[in-house]
All heavy atoms as atom14 arrays in JSON, in Angstrom:
{
  "sequence": "AAKEAGVTRIVKLSAPLVTPPAKVEVSHWHRQVEEHLDKSGLDYCCL",
  "atom14_mask": [
    [1, 1, 1, 1, 1, 0, 0, 0, 0, 0, 0, 0, 0, 0],
    [1, 1, 1, 1, 1, 0, 0, 0, 0, 0, 0, 0, 0, 0],
    [1, 1, 1, 1, 1, 1, 1, 1, 1, 0, 0, 0, 0, 0],
    [1, 1, 1, 1, 1, 1, 1, 1, 1, 0, 0, 0, 0, 0],
    [1, 1, 1, 1, 1, 0, 0, 0, 0, 0, 0, 0, 0, 0],
    [1, 1, 1, 1, 0, 0, 0, 0, 0, 0, 0, 0, 0, 0],
    [1, 1, 1, 1, 1, 1, 1, 0, 0, 0, 0, 0, 0, 0],
    [1, 1, 1, 1, 1, 1, 1, 0, 0, 0, 0, 0, 0, 0],
    [1, 1, 1, 1, 1, 1, 1, 1, 1, 1, 1, 0, 0, 0],
    [1, 1, 1, 1, 1, 1, 1, 1, 0, 0, 0, 0, 0, 0],
    [1, 1, 1, 1, 1, 1, 1, 0, 0, 0, 0, 0, 0, 0],
    [1, 1, 1, 1, 1, 1, 1, 1, 1, 0, 0, 0, 0, 0],
    [1, 1, 1, 1, 1, 1, 1, 1, 0, 0, 0, 0, 0, 0],
    [1, 1, 1, 1, 1, 1, 0, 0, 0, 0, 0, 0, 0, 0],
    [1, 1, 1, 1, 1, 0, 0, 0, 0, 0, 0, 0, 0, 0],
    [1, 1, 1, 1, 1, 1, 1, 0, 0, 0, 0, 0, 0, 0],
    [1, 1, 1, 1, 1, 1, 1, 1, 0, 0, 0, 0, 0, 0],
    [1, 1, 1, 1, 1, 1, 1, 0, 0, 0, 0, 0, 0, 0],
    [1, 1, 1, 1, 1, 1, 1, 0, 0, 0, 0, 0, 0, 0],
    [1, 1, 1, 1, 1, 1, 1, 0, 0, 0, 0, 0, 0, 0],
    [1, 1, 1, 1, 1, 1, 1, 0, 0, 0, 0, 0, 0, 0],
    [1, 1, 1, 1, 1, 0, 0, 0, 0, 0, 0, 0, 0, 0],
    [1, 1, 1, 1, 1, 1, 1, 1, 1, 0, 0, 0, 0, 0],
    [1, 1, 1, 1, 1, 1, 1, 0, 0, 0, 0, 0, 0, 0],
    [1, 1, 1, 1, 1, 1, 1, 1, 1, 0, 0, 0, 0, 0],
    [1, 1, 1, 1, 1, 1, 1, 0, 0, 0, 0, 0, 0, 0],
    [1, 1, 1, 1, 1, 1, 0, 0, 0, 0, 0, 0, 0, 0],
    [1, 1, 1, 1, 1, 1, 1, 1, 1, 1, 0, 0, 0, 0],
    [1, 1, 1, 1, 1, 1, 1, 1, 1, 1, 1, 1, 1, 1],
    [1, 1, 1, 1, 1, 1, 1, 1, 1, 1, 0, 0, 0, 0],
    [1, 1, 1, 1, 1, 1, 1, 1, 1, 1, 1, 0, 0, 0],
    [1, 1, 1, 1, 1, 1, 1, 1, 1, 0, 0, 0, 0, 0],
    [1, 1, 1, 1, 1, 1, 1, 0, 0, 0, 0, 0, 0, 0],
    [1, 1, 1, 1, 1, 1, 1, 1, 1, 0, 0, 0, 0, 0],
    [1, 1, 1, 1, 1, 1, 1, 1, 1, 0, 0, 0, 0, 0],
    [1, 1, 1, 1, 1, 1, 1, 1, 1, 1, 0, 0, 0, 0],
    [1, 1, 1, 1, 1, 1, 1, 1, 0, 0, 0, 0, 0, 0],
    [1, 1, 1, 1, 1, 1, 1, 1, 0, 0, 0, 0, 0, 0],
    [1, 1, 1, 1, 1, 1, 1, 1, 1, 0, 0, 0, 0, 0],
    [1, 1, 1, 1, 1, 1, 0, 0, 0, 0, 0, 0, 0, 0],
    [1, 1, 1, 1, 0, 0, 0, 0, 0, 0, 0, 0, 0, 0],
    [1, 1, 1, 1, 1, 1, 1, 1, 0, 0, 0, 0, 0, 0],
    [1, 1, 1, 1, 1, 1, 1, 1, 0, 0, 0, 0, 0, 0],
    [1, 1, 1, 1, 1, 1, 1, 1, 1, 1, 1, 1, 0, 0],
    [1, 1, 1, 1, 1, 1, 0, 0, 0, 0, 0, 0, 0, 0],
    [1, 1, 1, 1, 1, 1, 0, 0, 0, 0, 0, 0, 0, 0],
    [1, 1, 1, 1, 1, 1, 1, 1, 0, 0, 0, 0, 0, 0]
  ],
  "atom14_positions": [
    [[33.06, -83.99, -86.82], [32.15, -82.88, -87.12], [32.89, -81.55, -87.11], [32.62, -80.67, -87.94], [31.0, -82.86, -86.11], [0.0, 0.0, 0.0], [0.0, 0.0, 0.0], [0.0, 0.0, 0.0], [0.0, 0.0, 0.0], [0.0, 0.0, 0.0], [0.0, 0.0, 0.0], [0.0, 0.0, 0.0], [0.0, 0.0, 0.0], [0.0, 0.0, 0.0]],
    [[33.81, -81.38, -86.17], [34.58, -80.13, -86.09], [35.41, -79.94, -87.35], [35.48, -78.83, -87.9], [35.47, -80.15, -84.85], [0.0, 0.0, 0.0], [0.0, 0.0, 0.0], [0.0, 0.0, 0.0], [0.0, 0.0, 0.0], [0.0, 0.0, 0.0], [0.0, 0.0, 0.0], [0.0, 0.0, 0.0], [0.0, 0.0, 0.0], [0.0, 0.0, 0.0]],
    [[36.03, -81.01, -87.83], [36.83, -80.91, -89.05], [35.95, -80.54, -90.24], [36.32, -79.67, -91.05], [37.54, -82.23, -89.31], [38.45, -82.19, -90.53], [39.18, -83.5, -90.73], [40.08, -83.44, -91.98], [40.82, -84.72, -92.17], [0.0, 0.0, 0.0], [0.0, 0.0, 0.0], [0.0, 0.0, 0.0], [0.0, 0.0, 0.0], [0.0, 0.0, 0.0]],
    [[34.78, -81.16, -90.34], [33.86, -80.84, -91.44], [33.39, -79.39, -91.37], [33.12, -78.77, -92.41], [32.66, -81.79, -91.4], [33.0, -83.23, -91.76], [31.79, -84.14, -91.64], [30.67, -83.62, -91.56], [31.98, -85.38, -91.65], [0.0, 0.0, 0.0], [0.0, 0.0, 0.0], [0.0, 0.0, 0.0], [0.0, 0.0, 0.0], [0.0, 0.0, 0.0]],
    [[33.31, -78.85, -90.17], [32.84, -77.48, -89.99], [33.94, -76.45, -90.24], [33.67, -75.25, -90.25], [32.28, -77.3, -88.58], [0.0, 0.0, 0.0], [0.0, 0.0, 0.0], [0.0, 0.0, 0.0], [0.0, 0.0, 0.0], [0.0, 0.0, 0.0], [0.0, 0.0, 0.0], [0.0, 0.0, 0.0], [0.0, 0.0, 0.0], [0.0, 0.0, 0.0]],
    [[35.17, -76.92, -90.43], [36.26, -76.0, -90.72], [37.2, -75.71, -89.57], [38.12, -74.89, -89.7], [0.0, 0.0, 0.0], [0.0, 0.0, 0.0], [0.0, 0.0, 0.0], [0.0, 0.0, 0.0], [0.0, 0.0, 0.0], [0.0, 0.0, 0.0], [0.0, 0.0, 0.0], [0.0, 0.0, 0.0], [0.0, 0.0, 0.0], [0.0, 0.0, 0.0]],
    [[37.0, -76.36, -88.43], [37.92, -76.2, -87.3], [39.29, -76.75, -87.7], [39.4, -77.78, -88.37], [37.38, -76.95, -86.06], [38.44, -77.07, -84.97], [36.14, -76.24, -85.52], [0.0, 0.0, 0.0], [0.0, 0.0, 0.0], [0.0, 0.0, 0.0], [0.0, 0.0, 0.0], [0.0, 0.0, 0.0], [0.0, 0.0, 0.0], [0.0, 0.0, 0.0]],
    [[40.34, -76.06, -87.27], [41.7, -76.48, -87.65], [42.54, -76.95, -86.48], [43.63, -77.5, -86.68], [42.45, -75.32, -88.33], [42.5, -74.19, -87.44], [41.74, -74.92, -89.63], [0.0, 0.0, 0.0], [0.0, 0.0, 0.0], [0.0, 0.0, 0.0], [0.0, 0.0, 0.0], [0.0, 0.0, 0.0], [0.0, 0.0, 0.0], [0.0, 0.0, 0.0]],
    [[42.05, -76.74, -85.25], [42.86, -77.1, -84.08], [41.99, -77.68, -82.98], [40.88, -77.19, -82.73], [43.59, -75.86, -83.54], [44.25, -76.06, -82.16], [44.95, -74.81, -81.69], [46.11, -74.52, -82.52], [46.88, -73.44, -82.35], [46.59, -72.56, -81.4], [47.93, -73.25, -83.12], [0.0, 0.0, 0.0], [0.0, 0.0, 0.0], [0.0, 0.0, 0.0]],
    [[42.5, -78.72, -82.31], [41.81, -79.31, -81.16], [42.8, -79.48, -80.01], [43.9, -79.99, -80.2], [41.18, -80.67, -81.52], [39.99, -80.46, -82.47], [40.72, -81.42, -80.27], [39.26, -81.73, -82.86], [0.0, 0.0, 0.0], [0.0, 0.0, 0.0], [0.0, 0.0, 0.0], [0.0, 0.0, 0.0], [0.0, 0.0, 0.0], [0.0, 0.0, 0.0]],
    [[42.37, -79.04, -78.84], [43.11, -79.3, -77.61], [42.25, -80.25, -76.79], [41.14, -79.89, -76.39], [43.4, -78.02, -76.82], [44.06, -78.34, -75.49], [44.29, -77.08, -77.65], [0.0, 0.0, 0.0], [0.0, 0.0, 0.0], [0.0, 0.0, 0.0], [0.0, 0.0, 0.0], [0.0, 0.0, 0.0], [0.0, 0.0, 0.0], [0.0, 0.0, 0.0]],
    [[42.74, -81.46, -76.57], [41.95, -82.48, -75.88], [42.46, -82.69, -74.45], [43.66, -82.83, -74.23], [42.02, -83.82, -76.62], [41.42, -84.98, -75.82], [41.41, -86.28, -76.57], [41.2, -87.47, -75.64], [40.02, -87.32, -74.73], [0.0, 0.0, 0.0], [0.0, 0.0, 0.0], [0.0, 0.0, 0.0], [0.0, 0.0, 0.0], [0.0, 0.0, 0.0]],
    [[41.52, -82.73, -73.51], [41.88, -83.15, -72.16], [41.84, -84.66, -72.13], [40.8, -85.28, -72.34], [40.9, -82.58, -71.13], [41.35, -82.82, -69.7], [42.52, -81.92, -69.35], [40.21, -82.61, -68.71], [0.0, 0.0, 0.0], [0.0, 0.0, 0.0], [0.0, 0.0, 0.0], [0.0, 0.0, 0.0], [0.0, 0.0, 0.0], [0.0, 0.0, 0.0]],
    [[42.99, -85.27, -71.88], [43.11, -86.71, -71.96], [43.45, -87.28, -70.58], [43.05, -86.72, -69.56], [44.18, -87.08, -73.0], [44.1, -88.43, -73.35], [0.0, 0.0, 0.0], [0.0, 0.0, 0.0], [0.0, 0.0, 0.0], [0.0, 0.0, 0.0], [0.0, 0.0, 0.0], [0.0, 0.0, 0.0], [0.0, 0.0, 0.0], [0.0, 0.0, 0.0]],
    [[44.17, -88.38, -70.55], [44.52, -89.05, -69.3], [45.95, -89.57, -69.39], [46.44, -89.82, -70.49], [43.55, -90.2, -69.03], [0.0, 0.0, 0.0], [0.0, 0.0, 0.0], [0.0, 0.0, 0.0], [0.0, 0.0, 0.0], [0.0, 0.0, 0.0], [0.0, 0.0, 0.0], [0.0, 0.0, 0.0], [0.0, 0.0, 0.0], [0.0, 0.0, 0.0]],
    [[46.61, -89.77, -68.26], [47.99, -90.25, -68.29], [48.11, -91.63, -68.93], [47.15, -92.42, -68.95], [48.37, -90.32, -66.8], [47.43, -89.4, -66.11], [46.15, -89.48, -66.89], [0.0, 0.0, 0.0], [0.0, 0.0, 0.0], [0.0, 0.0, 0.0], [0.0, 0.0, 0.0], [0.0, 0.0, 0.0], [0.0, 0.0, 0.0], [0.0, 0.0, 0.0]],
    [[49.28, -91.9, -69.46], [49.55, -93.24, -69.99], [49.59, -94.24, -68.85], [50.06, -93.94, -67.75], [50.9, -93.24, -70.72], [50.98, -92.52, -72.07], [52.43, -92.48, -72.55], [50.11, -93.2, -73.1], [0.0, 0.0, 0.0], [0.0, 0.0, 0.0], [0.0, 0.0, 0.0], [0.0, 0.0, 0.0], [0.0, 0.0, 0.0], [0.0, 0.0, 0.0]],
    [[49.1, -95.43, -69.11], [49.12, -96.51, -68.12], [49.89, -97.67, -68.71], [49.57, -98.14, -69.81], [47.68, -96.95, -67.75], [47.72, -98.17, -66.83], [46.94, -95.8, -67.08], [0.0, 0.0, 0.0], [0.0, 0.0, 0.0], [0.0, 0.0, 0.0], [0.0, 0.0, 0.0], [0.0, 0.0, 0.0], [0.0, 0.0, 0.0], [0.0, 0.0, 0.0]],
    [[50.9, -98.13, -68.0], [51.72, -99.24, -68.49], [51.48, -100.48, -67.63], [51.19, -100.36, -66.44], [53.21, -98.87, -68.45], [53.58, -98.49, -67.11], [53.49, -97.7, -69.39], [0.0, 0.0, 0.0], [0.0, 0.0, 0.0], [0.0, 0.0, 0.0], [0.0, 0.0, 0.0], [0.0, 0.0, 0.0], [0.0, 0.0, 0.0], [0.0, 0.0, 0.0]],
    [[51.6, -101.68, -68.23], [51.43, -102.92, -67.48], [52.42, -102.97, -66.31], [53.49, -102.38, -66.4], [51.72, -104.01, -68.51], [51.47, -103.34, -69.83], [51.88, -101.91, -69.65], [0.0, 0.0, 0.0], [0.0, 0.0, 0.0], [0.0, 0.0, 0.0], [0.0, 0.0, 0.0], [0.0, 0.0, 0.0], [0.0, 0.0, 0.0], [0.0, 0.0, 0.0]],
    [[52.05, -103.62, -65.21], [50.89, -104.51, -65.07], [49.59, -103.81, -64.71], [48.56, -104.46, -64.57], [51.32, -105.44, -63.93], [52.18, -104.56, -63.07], [52.94, -103.67, -64.03], [0.0, 0.0, 0.0], [0.0, 0.0, 0.0], [0.0, 0.0, 0.0], [0.0, 0.0, 0.0], [0.0, 0.0, 0.0], [0.0, 0.0, 0.0], [0.0, 0.0, 0.0]],
    [[49.61, -102.49, -64.53], [48.38, -101.78, -64.2], [47.46, -101.72, -65.41], [47.9, -101.78, -66.56], [48.7, -100.38, -63.71], [0.0, 0.0, 0.0], [0.0, 0.0, 0.0], [0.0, 0.0, 0.0], [0.0, 0.0, 0.0], [0.0, 0.0, 0.0], [0.0, 0.0, 0.0], [0.0, 0.0, 0.0], [0.0, 0.0, 0.0], [0.0, 0.0, 0.0]],
    [[46.18, -101.57, -65.14], [45.19, -101.45, -66.2], [44.12, -100.46, -65.76], [43.56, -100.57, -64.67], [44.54, -102.81, -66.49], [43.4, -102.73, -67.51], [42.66, -104.06, -67.62], [41.45, -103.94, -68.53], [40.64, -105.19, -68.58], [0.0, 0.0, 0.0], [0.0, 0.0, 0.0], [0.0, 0.0, 0.0], [0.0, 0.0, 0.0], [0.0, 0.0, 0.0]],
    [[43.86, -99.47, -66.63], [42.79, -98.5, -66.37], [41.99, -98.37, -67.66], [42.47, -97.83, -68.65], [43.35, -97.13, -65.95], [42.2, -96.13, -65.75], [44.17, -97.25, -64.66], [0.0, 0.0, 0.0], [0.0, 0.0, 0.0], [0.0, 0.0, 0.0], [0.0, 0.0, 0.0], [0.0, 0.0, 0.0], [0.0, 0.0, 0.0], [0.0, 0.0, 0.0]],
    [[40.78, -98.89, -67.65], [39.98, -98.92, -68.88], [39.73, -97.53, -69.43], [39.77, -97.31, -70.64], [38.65, -99.62, -68.62], [37.82, -99.82, -69.88], [36.52, -100.57, -69.63], [36.14, -100.72, -68.45], [35.9, -101.01, -70.61], [0.0, 0.0, 0.0], [0.0, 0.0, 0.0], [0.0, 0.0, 0.0], [0.0, 0.0, 0.0], [0.0, 0.0, 0.0]],
    [[39.47, -96.56, -68.56], [39.2, -95.21, -69.03], [40.4, -94.63, -69.77], [40.25, -93.92, -70.76], [38.79, -94.3, -67.85], [38.76, -92.83, -68.27], [37.42, -94.71, -67.3], [0.0, 0.0, 0.0], [0.0, 0.0, 0.0], [0.0, 0.0, 0.0], [0.0, 0.0, 0.0], [0.0, 0.0, 0.0], [0.0, 0.0, 0.0], [0.0, 0.0, 0.0]],
    [[41.6, -94.96, -69.31], [42.8, -94.52, -70.02], [42.84, -95.1, -71.43], [43.23, -94.41, -72.38], [44.05, -94.93, -69.24], [45.22, -94.53, -69.91], [0.0, 0.0, 0.0], [0.0, 0.0, 0.0], [0.0, 0.0, 0.0], [0.0, 0.0, 0.0], [0.0, 0.0, 0.0], [0.0, 0.0, 0.0], [0.0, 0.0, 0.0], [0.0, 0.0, 0.0]],
    [[42.4, -96.33, -71.57], [42.34, -96.96, -72.9], [41.35, -96.23, -73.79], [41.59, -96.06, -74.99], [41.95, -98.43, -72.75], [41.78, -99.15, -74.06], [42.81, -99.34, -74.95], [40.68, -99.71, -74.64], [42.37, -99.99, -76.02], [41.08, -100.22, -75.85], [0.0, 0.0, 0.0], [0.0, 0.0, 0.0], [0.0, 0.0, 0.0], [0.0, 0.0, 0.0]],
    [[40.25, -95.76, -73.22], [39.29, -94.99, -74.01], [39.96, -93.73, -74.58], [39.79, -93.4, -75.75], [38.09, -94.57, -73.14], [37.26, -95.7, -72.62], [37.3, -97.01, -73.03], [36.27, -95.63, -71.59], [36.4, -97.75, -72.32], [35.75, -96.94, -71.43], [35.78, -94.61, -70.79], [34.76, -97.23, -70.5], [34.79, -94.89, -69.86], [34.28, -96.19, -69.73]],
    [[40.72, -93.06, -73.74], [41.4, -91.85, -74.19], [42.43, -92.16, -75.28], [42.59, -91.37, -76.22], [42.07, -91.14, -73.01], [41.13, -90.37, -72.15], [40.56, -89.19, -72.55], [40.65, -90.63, -70.9], [39.76, -88.74, -71.58], [39.8, -89.6, -70.57], [0.0, 0.0, 0.0], [0.0, 0.0, 0.0], [0.0, 0.0, 0.0], [0.0, 0.0, 0.0]],
    [[43.11, -93.3, -75.15], [44.08, -93.66, -76.18], [43.39, -93.83, -77.53], [43.92, -93.46, -78.58], [44.81, -94.95, -75.81], [45.65, -94.94, -74.55], [46.86, -94.04, -74.6], [46.54, -92.66, -74.29], [46.34, -92.21, -73.03], [46.4, -93.02, -72.0], [46.1, -90.94, -72.82], [0.0, 0.0, 0.0], [0.0, 0.0, 0.0], [0.0, 0.0, 0.0]],
    [[42.19, -94.42, -77.53], [41.45, -94.62, -78.78], [41.11, -93.27, -79.43], [41.22, -93.12, -80.65], [40.17, -95.42, -78.51], [40.39, -96.86, -78.13], [39.09, -97.57, -77.82], [38.64, -97.65, -76.67], [38.44, -98.08, -78.85], [0.0, 0.0, 0.0], [0.0, 0.0, 0.0], [0.0, 0.0, 0.0], [0.0, 0.0, 0.0], [0.0, 0.0, 0.0]],
    [[40.7, -92.32, -78.62], [40.37, -90.99, -79.16], [41.63, -90.31, -79.67], [41.62, -89.68, -80.74], [39.67, -90.12, -78.09], [39.38, -88.73, -78.65], [38.37, -90.77, -77.62], [0.0, 0.0, 0.0], [0.0, 0.0, 0.0], [0.0, 0.0, 0.0], [0.0, 0.0, 0.0], [0.0, 0.0, 0.0], [0.0, 0.0, 0.0], [0.0, 0.0, 0.0]],
    [[42.72, -90.43, -78.93], [43.98, -89.83, -79.36], [44.43, -90.39, -80.72], [44.91, -89.66, -81.59], [45.07, -90.08, -78.32], [44.91, -89.28, -77.04], [45.99, -89.58, -76.02], [46.76, -90.55, -76.23], [46.07, -88.87, -75.01], [0.0, 0.0, 0.0], [0.0, 0.0, 0.0], [0.0, 0.0, 0.0], [0.0, 0.0, 0.0], [0.0, 0.0, 0.0]],
    [[44.28, -91.69, -80.89], [44.67, -92.32, -82.16], [43.83, -91.76, -83.31], [44.34, -91.52, -84.41], [44.5, -93.83, -82.06], [45.53, -94.49, -81.14], [45.24, -95.96, -80.9], [44.27, -96.48, -81.51], [45.95, -96.59, -80.09], [0.0, 0.0, 0.0], [0.0, 0.0, 0.0], [0.0, 0.0, 0.0], [0.0, 0.0, 0.0], [0.0, 0.0, 0.0]],
    [[42.53, -91.58, -83.06], [41.67, -91.02, -84.11], [42.05, -89.57, -84.41], [42.09, -89.15, -85.57], [40.21, -91.1, -83.69], [39.26, -90.66, -84.76], [38.86, -91.48, -85.79], [38.64, -89.46, -84.98], [38.04, -90.84, -86.59], [37.89, -89.6, -86.13], [0.0, 0.0, 0.0], [0.0, 0.0, 0.0], [0.0, 0.0, 0.0], [0.0, 0.0, 0.0]],
    [[42.34, -88.82, -83.38], [42.74, -87.43, -83.54], [44.03, -87.34, -84.35], [44.18, -86.46, -85.21], [42.91, -86.78, -82.17], [43.22, -85.28, -82.11], [42.16, -84.48, -82.85], [43.3, -84.83, -80.65], [0.0, 0.0, 0.0], [0.0, 0.0, 0.0], [0.0, 0.0, 0.0], [0.0, 0.0, 0.0], [0.0, 0.0, 0.0], [0.0, 0.0, 0.0]],
    [[44.94, -88.27, -84.11], [46.21, -88.27, -84.83], [46.02, -88.49, -86.33], [46.78, -87.98, -87.15], [47.12, -89.35, -84.26], [48.52, -89.31, -84.85], [49.2, -88.27, -84.71], [48.92, -90.31, -85.48], [0.0, 0.0, 0.0], [0.0, 0.0, 0.0], [0.0, 0.0, 0.0], [0.0, 0.0, 0.0], [0.0, 0.0, 0.0], [0.0, 0.0, 0.0]],
    [[44.98, -89.24, -86.68], [44.72, -89.54, -88.1], [43.84, -88.48, -88.77], [43.62, -88.54, -89.98], [44.03, -90.9, -88.22], [44.87, -92.07, -87.72], [44.07, -93.36, -87.74], [44.89, -94.53, -87.18], [44.09, -95.77, -87.1], [0.0, 0.0, 0.0], [0.0, 0.0, 0.0], [0.0, 0.0, 0.0], [0.0, 0.0, 0.0], [0.0, 0.0, 0.0]],
    [[43.37, -87.51, -87.99], [42.4, -86.55, -88.52], [43.03, -85.49, -89.43], [42.32, -84.86, -90.23], [41.7, -85.83, -87.35], [42.61, -84.96, -86.68], [0.0, 0.0, 0.0], [0.0, 0.0, 0.0], [0.0, 0.0, 0.0], [0.0, 0.0, 0.0], [0.0, 0.0, 0.0], [0.0, 0.0, 0.0], [0.0, 0.0, 0.0], [0.0, 0.0, 0.0]],
    [[44.31, -85.27, -89.3], [44.97, -84.22, -90.07], [44.88, -82.84, -89.43], [45.4, -81.86, -89.97], [0.0, 0.0, 0.0], [0.0, 0.0, 0.0], [0.0, 0.0, 0.0], [0.0, 0.0, 0.0], [0.0, 0.0, 0.0], [0.0, 0.0, 0.0], [0.0, 0.0, 0.0], [0.0, 0.0, 0.0], [0.0, 0.0, 0.0], [0.0, 0.0, 0.0]],
    [[44.24, -82.74, -88.27], [44.11, -81.47, -87.56], [45.36, -81.18, -86.74], [46.07, -82.1, -86.31], [42.88, -81.5, -86.65], [41.52, -81.65, -87.32], [40.44, -81.9, -86.28], [41.19, -80.4, -88.14], [0.0, 0.0, 0.0], [0.0, 0.0, 0.0], [0.0, 0.0, 0.0], [0.0, 0.0, 0.0], [0.0, 0.0, 0.0], [0.0, 0.0, 0.0]],
    [[45.59, -79.91, -86.48], [46.62, -79.51, -85.52], [46.06, -79.79, -84.13], [44.92, -79.41, -83.83], [46.92, -78.01, -85.7], [48.03, -77.52, -84.8], [48.99, -78.28, -84.56], [47.94, -76.36, -84.32], [0.0, 0.0, 0.0], [0.0, 0.0, 0.0], [0.0, 0.0, 0.0], [0.0, 0.0, 0.0], [0.0, 0.0, 0.0], [0.0, 0.0, 0.0]],
    [[46.84, -80.44, -83.27], [46.27, -80.79, -81.97], [47.35, -80.96, -80.92], [48.54, -81.11, -81.21], [45.46, -82.1, -82.06], [46.29, -83.35, -82.18], [46.76, -84.01, -81.03], [46.62, -83.9, -83.41], [47.53, -85.17, -81.13], [47.37, -85.06, -83.52], [47.82, -85.68, -82.37], [48.58, -86.83, -82.46], [0.0, 0.0, 0.0], [0.0, 0.0, 0.0]],
    [[46.89, -80.95, -79.67], [47.71, -81.42, -78.56], [46.78, -82.1, -77.57], [45.58, -81.81, -77.51], [48.52, -80.31, -77.92], [47.62, -79.28, -76.76], [0.0, 0.0, 0.0], [0.0, 0.0, 0.0], [0.0, 0.0, 0.0], [0.0, 0.0, 0.0], [0.0, 0.0, 0.0], [0.0, 0.0, 0.0], [0.0, 0.0, 0.0], [0.0, 0.0, 0.0]],
    [[47.32, -83.01, -76.79], [46.57, -83.75, -75.78], [47.2, -83.49, -74.41], [48.41, -83.66, -74.24], [46.56, -85.24, -76.08], [45.68, -85.69, -77.59], [0.0, 0.0, 0.0], [0.0, 0.0, 0.0], [0.0, 0.0, 0.0], [0.0, 0.0, 0.0], [0.0, 0.0, 0.0], [0.0, 0.0, 0.0], [0.0, 0.0, 0.0], [0.0, 0.0, 0.0]],
    [[46.39, -83.07, -73.48], [46.84, -82.82, -72.12], [46.58, -84.06, -71.28], [45.47, -84.58, -71.26], [46.1, -81.62, -71.53], [46.07, -80.34, -72.38], [45.33, -79.24, -71.64], [47.48, -79.9, -72.75], [0.0, 0.0, 0.0], [0.0, 0.0, 0.0], [0.0, 0.0, 0.0], [0.0, 0.0, 0.0], [0.0, 0.0, 0.0], [0.0, 0.0, 0.0]]
  ]
}
């Protein structure tokens, strides 16, 4: 919706990377959003 409205930049509060053998489902949720943001064509950074 932000892209459709003309927004050009997004700063997302995300979560640290989690590597096996640990597992944090919420971190996986953030990875999914980050992947979508990367494909959006917007200027962005993830904290």
